[in-house]
Amino acid sequence: MRRAKWRKEPATASQKSLVESRWNKAPKYVQGEMRDDAARTLRIERLTKGEAANIIARIKHGAMVPIPFDEQ
């Protein structure tokens, strides 16, 4: 499942919207580098379905952890 073809496709608008809305609500100490609006916007634009699925699973199950903003 980790290497499923769909995981490499661009995230859907719904996935991006959910991730963005939750990241905007996160406390500043959790956000880390996400406080930079340009970095957050770029990160959300480049999300894949697999990354979005992982982030959403973490959000729904209580693990609000910072996501690194490395250029890919």
PDB file of N, CA and C in Angstrom:
ATOM      1  N   MET A   1       0.820  -1.189   0.000  1.00  0.00           N
ATOM      2  CA  MET A   1       0.000   0.000   0.000  1.00  0.00           C
ATOM      3  C   MET A   1       0.870   1.262   0.000  1.00  0.00           C
ATOM      4  N   ARG A   2       2.049   1.208   0.622  1.00  0.00           N
ATOM      5  CA  ARG A   2       2.902   2.393   0.675  1.00  0.00           C
ATOM      6  C   ARG A   2       3.382   2.823  -0.692  1.00  0.00           C
ATOM      7  N   ARG A   3       3.438   1.905  -1.615  1.00  0.00           N
ATOM      8  CA  ARG A   3       3.944   2.220  -2.953  1.00  0.00           C
ATOM      9  C   ARG A   3       2.848   2.215  -4.012  1.00  0.00           C
ATOM     10  N   ALA A   4       1.618   2.317  -3.560  1.00  0.00           N
ATOM     11  CA  ALA A   4       0.498   2.321  -4.503  1.00  0.00           C
ATOM     12  C   ALA A   4       0.619   3.518  -5.445  1.00  0.00           C
ATOM     13  N   LYS A   5       0.232   3.302  -6.684  1.00  0.00           N
ATOM     14  CA  LYS A   5       0.368   4.330  -7.723  1.00  0.00           C
ATOM     15  C   LYS A   5      -0.371   5.629  -7.361  1.00  0.00           C
ATOM     16  N   TRP A   6      -1.545   5.518  -6.743  1.00  0.00           N
ATOM     17  CA  TRP A   6      -2.344   6.697  -6.427  1.00  0.00           C
ATOM     18  C   TRP A   6      -1.644   7.624  -5.437  1.00  0.00           C
ATOM     19  N   ARG A   7      -0.736   7.100  -4.620  1.00  0.00           N
ATOM     20  CA  ARG A   7      -0.053   7.908  -3.607  1.00  0.00           C
ATOM     21  C   ARG A   7       0.863   8.972  -4.222  1.00  0.00           C
ATOM     22  N   LYS A   8       1.261   8.775  -5.474  1.00  0.00           N
ATOM     23  CA  LYS A   8       2.164   9.716  -6.135  1.00  0.00           C
ATOM     24  C   LYS A   8       1.424  10.788  -6.929  1.00  0.00           C
ATOM     25  N   GLU A   9       0.133  10.640  -7.082  1.00  0.00           N
ATOM     26  CA  GLU A   9      -0.664  11.616  -7.821  1.00  0.00           C
ATOM     27  C   GLU A   9      -0.873  12.871  -6.979  1.00  0.00           C
ATOM     28  N   PRO A  10      -1.130  14.012  -7.616  1.00  0.00           N
ATOM     29  CA  PRO A  10      -1.375  15.248  -6.858  1.00  0.00           C
ATOM     30  C   PRO A  10      -2.600  15.102  -5.947  1.00  0.00           C
ATOM     31  N   ALA A  11      -2.519  15.738  -4.795  1.00  0.00           N
ATOM     32  CA  ALA A  11      -3.634  15.700  -3.845  1.00  0.00           C
ATOM     33  C   ALA A  11      -4.868  16.368  -4.446  1.00  0.00           C
ATOM     34  N   THR A  12      -6.026  15.916  -4.012  1.00  0.00           N
ATOM     35  CA  THR A  12      -7.279  16.514  -4.493  1.00  0.00           C
ATOM     36  C   THR A  12      -7.494  17.859  -3.807  1.00  0.00           C
ATOM     37  N   ALA A  13      -8.368  18.653  -4.373  1.00  0.00           N
ATOM     38  CA  ALA A  13      -8.685  19.960  -3.783  1.00  0.00           C
ATOM     39  C   ALA A  13      -9.246  19.794  -2.371  1.00  0.00           C
ATOM     40  N   SER A  14     -10.042  18.748  -2.158  1.00  0.00           N
ATOM     41  CA  SER A  14     -10.618  18.494  -0.831  1.00  0.00           C
ATOM     42  C   SER A  14      -9.534  18.176   0.190  1.00  0.00           C
ATOM     43  N   GLN A  15      -8.567  17.349  -0.202  1.00  0.00           N
ATOM     44  CA  GLN A  15      -7.468  17.014   0.699  1.00  0.00           C
ATOM     45  C   GLN A  15      -6.667  18.260   1.047  1.00  0.00           C
ATOM     46  N   LYS A  16      -6.339  19.056   0.034  1.00  0.00           N
ATOM     47  CA  LYS A  16      -5.560  20.280   0.260  1.00  0.00           C
ATOM     48  C   LYS A  16      -6.317  21.236   1.178  1.00  0.00           C
ATOM     49  N   SER A  17      -7.608  21.366   0.947  1.00  0.00           N
ATOM     50  CA  SER A  17      -8.428  22.268   1.754  1.00  0.00           C
ATOM     51  C   SER A  17      -8.454  21.833   3.219  1.00  0.00           C
ATOM     52  N   LEU A  18      -8.630  20.542   3.458  1.00  0.00           N
ATOM     53  CA  LEU A  18      -8.678  20.034   4.830  1.00  0.00           C
ATOM     54  C   LEU A  18      -7.336  20.231   5.531  1.00  0.00           C
ATOM     55  N   VAL A  19      -6.253  19.891   4.864  1.00  0.00           N
ATOM     56  CA  VAL A  19      -4.921  20.048   5.456  1.00  0.00           C
ATOM     57  C   VAL A  19      -4.662  21.524   5.763  1.00  0.00           C
ATOM     58  N   GLU A  20      -4.970  22.393   4.816  1.00  0.00           N
ATOM     59  CA  GLU A  20      -4.725  23.823   5.013  1.00  0.00           C
ATOM     60  C   GLU A  20      -5.544  24.376   6.176  1.00  0.00           C
ATOM     61  N   SER A  21      -6.816  24.006   6.259  1.00  0.00           N
ATOM     62  CA  SER A  21      -7.664  24.524   7.335  1.00  0.00           C
ATOM     63  C   SER A  21      -7.171  24.054   8.703  1.00  0.00           C
ATOM     64  N   ARG A  22      -6.734  22.815   8.789  1.00  0.00           N
ATOM     65  CA  ARG A  22      -6.227  22.306  10.058  1.00  0.00           C
ATOM     66  C   ARG A  22      -4.885  22.914  10.417  1.00  0.00           C
ATOM     67  N   TRP A  23      -4.014  23.107   9.445  1.00  0.00           N
ATOM     68  CA  TRP A  23      -2.707  23.711   9.705  1.00  0.00           C
ATOM     69  C   TRP A  23      -2.878  25.158  10.153  1.00  0.00           C
ATOM     70  N   ASN A  24      -3.878  25.858   9.624  1.00  0.00           N
ATOM     71  CA  ASN A  24      -4.112  27.249  10.029  1.00  0.00           C
ATOM     72  C   ASN A  24      -4.595  27.341  11.467  1.00  0.00           C
ATOM     73  N   LYS A  25      -5.231  26.284  11.979  1.00  0.00           N
ATOM     74  CA  LYS A  25      -5.743  26.267  13.348  1.00  0.00           C
ATOM     75  C   LYS A  25      -4.695  25.814  14.362  1.00  0.00           C
ATOM     76  N   ALA A  26      -3.597  25.245  13.896  1.00  0.00           N
ATOM     77  CA  ALA A  26      -2.586  24.697  14.803  1.00  0.00           C
ATOM     78  C   ALA A  26      -1.891  25.810  15.574  1.00  0.00           C
ATOM     79  N   PRO A  27      -1.584  25.559  16.853  1.00  0.00           N
ATOM     80  CA  PRO A  27      -0.834  26.557  17.632  1.00  0.00           C
ATOM     81  C   PRO A  27       0.530  26.816  17.004  1.00  0.00           C
ATOM     82  N   LYS A  28       1.053  28.015  17.218  1.00  0.00           N
ATOM     83  CA  LYS A  28       2.320  28.410  16.605  1.00  0.00           C
ATOM     84  C   LYS A  28       3.459  27.466  16.997  1.00  0.00           C
ATOM     85  N   TYR A  29       3.482  26.965  18.226  1.00  0.00           N
ATOM     86  CA  TYR A  29       4.574  26.094  18.632  1.00  0.00           C
ATOM     87  C   TYR A  29       4.531  24.747  17.917  1.00  0.00           C
ATOM     88  N   VAL A  30       3.374  24.348  17.425  1.00  0.00           N
ATOM     89  CA  VAL A  30       3.255  23.092  16.672  1.00  0.00           C
ATOM     90  C   VAL A  30       3.610  23.321  15.211  1.00  0.00           C
ATOM     91  N   GLN A  31       3.279  24.488  14.710  1.00  0.00           N
ATOM     92  CA  GLN A  31       3.449  24.761  13.288  1.00  0.00           C
ATOM     93  C   GLN A  31       4.911  24.781  12.851  1.00  0.00           C
ATOM     94  N   GLY A  32       5.810  25.225  13.710  1.00  0.00           N
ATOM     95  CA  GLY A  32       7.211  25.295  13.317  1.00  0.00           C
ATOM     96  C   GLY A  32       7.379  26.187  12.108  1.00  0.00           C
ATOM     97  N   GLU A  33       7.909  25.638  11.036  1.00  0.00           N
ATOM     98  CA  GLU A  33       8.150  26.419   9.818  1.00  0.00           C
ATOM     99  C   GLU A  33       6.867  26.782   9.090  1.00  0.00           C
ATOM    100  N   MET A  34       5.748  26.192   9.478  1.00  0.00           N
ATOM    101  CA  MET A  34       4.490  26.472   8.788  1.00  0.00           C
ATOM    102  C   MET A  34       3.991  27.887   9.058  1.00  0.00           C
ATOM    103  N   ARG A  35       4.627  28.635   9.969  1.00  0.00           N
ATOM    104  CA  ARG A  35       4.213  30.012  10.219  1.00  0.00           C
ATOM    105  C   ARG A  35       4.475  30.878   8.995  1.00  0.00           C
ATOM    106  N   ASP A  36       5.406  30.476   8.172  1.00  0.00           N
ATOM    107  CA  ASP A  36       5.710  31.201   6.943  1.00  0.00           C
ATOM    108  C   ASP A  36       4.626  30.859   5.915  1.00  0.00           C
ATOM    109  N   ASP A  37       3.769  31.842   5.621  1.00  0.00           N
ATOM    110  CA  ASP A  37       2.635  31.597   4.718  1.00  0.00           C
ATOM    111  C   ASP A  37       3.068  31.125   3.342  1.00  0.00           C
ATOM    112  N   ALA A  38       4.150  31.690   2.810  1.00  0.00           N
ATOM    113  CA  ALA A  38       4.612  31.295   1.479  1.00  0.00           C
ATOM    114  C   ALA A  38       5.066  29.837   1.478  1.00  0.00           C
ATOM    115  N   ALA A  39       5.780  29.426   2.511  1.00  0.00           N
ATOM    116  CA  ALA A  39       6.243  28.037   2.597  1.00  0.00           C
ATOM    117  C   ALA A  39       5.067  27.084   2.749  1.00  0.00           C
ATOM    118  N   ARG A  40       4.092  27.476   3.568  1.00  0.00           N
ATOM    119  CA  ARG A  40       2.916  26.624   3.780  1.00  0.00           C
ATOM    120  C   ARG A  40       2.122  26.482   2.481  1.00  0.00           C
ATOM    121  N   THR A  41       1.925  27.584   1.775  1.00  0.00           N
ATOM    122  CA  THR A  41       1.176  27.566   0.515  1.00  0.00           C
ATOM    123  C   THR A  41       1.873  26.677  -0.512  1.00  0.00           C
ATOM    124  N   LEU A  42       3.184  26.832  -0.622  1.00  0.00           N
ATOM    125  CA  LEU A  42       3.947  26.016  -1.568  1.00  0.00           C
ATOM    126  C   LEU A  42       3.873  24.543  -1.196  1.00  0.00           C
ATOM    127  N   ARG A  43       3.981  24.248   0.090  1.00  0.00           N
ATOM    128  CA  ARG A  43       3.928  22.858   0.561  1.00  0.00           C
ATOM    129  C   ARG A  43       2.569  22.234   0.230  1.00  0.00           C
ATOM    130  N   ILE A  44       1.508  22.985   0.444  1.00  0.00           N
ATOM    131  CA  ILE A  44       0.165  22.474   0.168  1.00  0.00           C
ATOM    132  C   ILE A  44      -0.037  22.275  -1.326  1.00  0.00           C
ATOM    133  N   GLU A  45       0.475  23.189  -2.140  1.00  0.00           N
ATOM    134  CA  GLU A  45       0.340  23.052  -3.593  1.00  0.00           C
ATOM    135  C   GLU A  45       1.022  21.784  -4.104  1.00  0.00           C
ATOM    136  N   ARG A  46       2.122  21.400  -3.474  1.00  0.00           N
ATOM    137  CA  ARG A  46       2.909  20.247  -3.930  1.00  0.00           C
ATOM    138  C   ARG A  46       2.528  18.919  -3.276  1.00  0.00           C
ATOM    139  N   LEU A  47       1.516  18.917  -2.430  1.00  0.00           N
ATOM    140  CA  LEU A  47       1.127  17.684  -1.746  1.00  0.00           C
ATOM    141  C   LEU A  47       0.717  16.603  -2.733  1.00  0.00           C
ATOM    142  N   THR A  48       1.103  15.382  -2.423  1.00  0.00           N
ATOM    143  CA  THR A  48       0.612  14.236  -3.184  1.00  0.00           C
ATOM    144  C   THR A  48      -0.543  13.618  -2.404  1.00  0.00           C
ATOM    145  N   LYS A  49      -1.286  12.745  -3.056  1.00  0.00           N
ATOM    146  CA  LYS A  49      -2.388  12.073  -2.373  1.00  0.00           C
ATOM    147  C   LYS A  49      -1.884  11.245  -1.193  1.00  0.00           C
ATOM    148  N   GLY A  50      -0.736  10.628  -1.358  1.00  0.00           N
ATOM    149  CA  GLY A  50      -0.165   9.816  -0.283  1.00  0.00           C
ATOM    150  C   GLY A  50       0.225  10.652   0.918  1.00  0.00           C
ATOM    151  N   GLU A  51       0.890  11.791   0.677  1.00  0.00           N
ATOM    152  CA  GLU A  51       1.280  12.685   1.771  1.00  0.00           C
ATOM    153  C   GLU A  51       0.039  13.226   2.475  1.00  0.00           C
ATOM    154  N   ALA A  52      -0.945  13.642   1.685  1.00  0.00           N
ATOM    155  CA  ALA A  52      -2.179  14.173   2.251  1.00  0.00           C
ATOM    156  C   ALA A  52      -2.889  13.111   3.088  1.00  0.00           C
ATOM    157  N   ALA A  53      -2.932  11.896   2.601  1.00  0.00           N
ATOM    158  CA  ALA A  53      -3.572  10.810   3.351  1.00  0.00           C
ATOM    159  C   ALA A  53      -2.863  10.591   4.687  1.00  0.00           C
ATOM    160  N   ASN A  54      -1.536  10.632   4.688  1.00  0.00           N
ATOM    161  CA  ASN A  54      -0.776  10.465   5.929  1.00  0.00           C
ATOM    162  C   ASN A  54      -1.055  11.608   6.905  1.00  0.00           C
ATOM    163  N   ILE A  55      -1.054  12.837   6.408  1.00  0.00           N
ATOM    164  CA  ILE A  55      -1.291  14.001   7.261  1.00  0.00           C
ATOM    165  C   ILE A  55      -2.696  13.952   7.850  1.00  0.00           C
ATOM    166  N   ILE A  56      -3.681  13.636   7.016  1.00  0.00           N
ATOM    167  CA  ILE A  56      -5.071  13.582   7.480  1.00  0.00           C
ATOM    168  C   ILE A  56      -5.249  12.481   8.520  1.00  0.00           C
ATOM    169  N   ALA A  57      -4.621  11.340   8.308  1.00  0.00           N
ATOM    170  CA  ALA A  57      -4.694  10.259   9.297  1.00  0.00           C
ATOM    171  C   ALA A  57      -4.100  10.707  10.630  1.00  0.00           C
ATOM    172  N   ARG A  58      -2.985  11.417  10.587  1.00  0.00           N
ATOM    173  CA  ARG A  58      -2.362  11.914  11.819  1.00  0.00           C
ATOM    174  C   ARG A  58      -3.254  12.931  12.510  1.00  0.00           C
ATOM    175  N   ILE A  59      -3.854  13.815  11.732  1.00  0.00           N
ATOM    176  CA  ILE A  59      -4.743  14.830  12.310  1.00  0.00           C
ATOM    177  C   ILE A  59      -5.938  14.151  12.978  1.00  0.00           C
ATOM    178  N   LYS A  60      -6.564  13.224  12.295  1.00  0.00           N
ATOM    179  CA  LYS A  60      -7.764  12.572  12.819  1.00  0.00           C
ATOM    180  C   LYS A  60      -7.486  11.701  14.026  1.00  0.00           C
ATOM    181  N   HIS A  61      -6.270  11.204  14.135  1.00  0.00           N
ATOM    182  CA  HIS A  61      -5.937  10.311  15.251  1.00  0.00           C
ATOM    183  C   HIS A  61      -5.104  10.998  16.321  1.00  0.00           C
ATOM    184  N   GLY A  62      -5.062  12.340  16.274  1.00  0.00           N
ATOM    185  CA  GLY A  62      -4.489  13.103  17.371  1.00  0.00           C
ATOM    186  C   GLY A  62      -3.009  13.405  17.324  1.00  0.00           C
ATOM    187  N   ALA A  63      -2.325  13.076  16.282  1.00  0.00           N
ATOM    188  CA  ALA A  63      -0.883  13.348  16.229  1.00  0.00           C
ATOM    189  C   ALA A  63      -0.628  14.561  15.349  1.00  0.00           C
ATOM    190  N   MET A  64      -0.734  15.750  15.922  1.00  0.00           N
ATOM    191  CA  MET A  64      -0.498  16.978  15.174  1.00  0.00           C
ATOM    192  C   MET A  64       0.990  17.288  15.243  1.00  0.00           C
ATOM    193  N   VAL A  65       1.745  16.771  14.289  1.00  0.00           N
ATOM    194  CA  VAL A  65       3.188  16.954  14.280  1.00  0.00           C
ATOM    195  C   VAL A  65       3.591  17.839  13.119  1.00  0.00           C
ATOM    196  N   PRO A  66       4.682  18.596  13.283  1.00  0.00           N
ATOM    197  CA  PRO A  66       5.135  19.442  12.176  1.00  0.00           C
ATOM    198  C   PRO A  66       5.611  18.604  11.002  1.00  0.00           C
ATOM    199  N   ILE A  67       5.359  19.094   9.799  1.00  0.00           N
ATOM    200  CA  ILE A  67       5.790  18.427   8.584  1.00  0.00           C
ATOM    201  C   ILE A  67       6.961  19.235   8.004  1.00  0.00           C
ATOM    202  N   PRO A  68       8.106  18.613   7.732  1.00  0.00           N
ATOM    203  CA  PRO A  68       9.240  19.370   7.218  1.00  0.00           C
ATOM    204  C   PRO A  68       8.952  19.968   5.842  1.00  0.00           C
ATOM    205  N   PHE A  69       9.551  21.110   5.573  1.00  0.00           N
ATOM    206  CA  PHE A  69       9.358  21.815   4.314  1.00  0.00           C
ATOM    207  C   PHE A  69      10.570  21.700   3.429  1.00  0.00           C
ATOM    208  N   ASP A  70      11.085  20.512   3.208  1.00  0.00           N
ATOM    209  CA  ASP A  70      12.234  20.383   2.339  1.00  0.00           C
ATOM    210  C   ASP A  70      11.794  20.459   0.890  1.00  0.00           C
ATOM    211  N   GLU A  71      12.599  21.101   0.083  1.00  0.00           N
ATOM    212  CA  GLU A  71      12.285  21.232  -1.341  1.00  0.00           C
ATOM    213  C   GLU A  71      12.443  19.865  -2.010  1.00  0.00           C
ATOM    214  N   GLN A  72      11.461  19.482  -2.785  1.00  0.00           N
ATOM    215  CA  GLN A  72      11.504  18.173  -3.443  1.00  0.00           C
ATOM    216  C   GLN A  72      11.603  18.341  -4.921  1.00  0.00           C
TER     217      GLN A  72
END
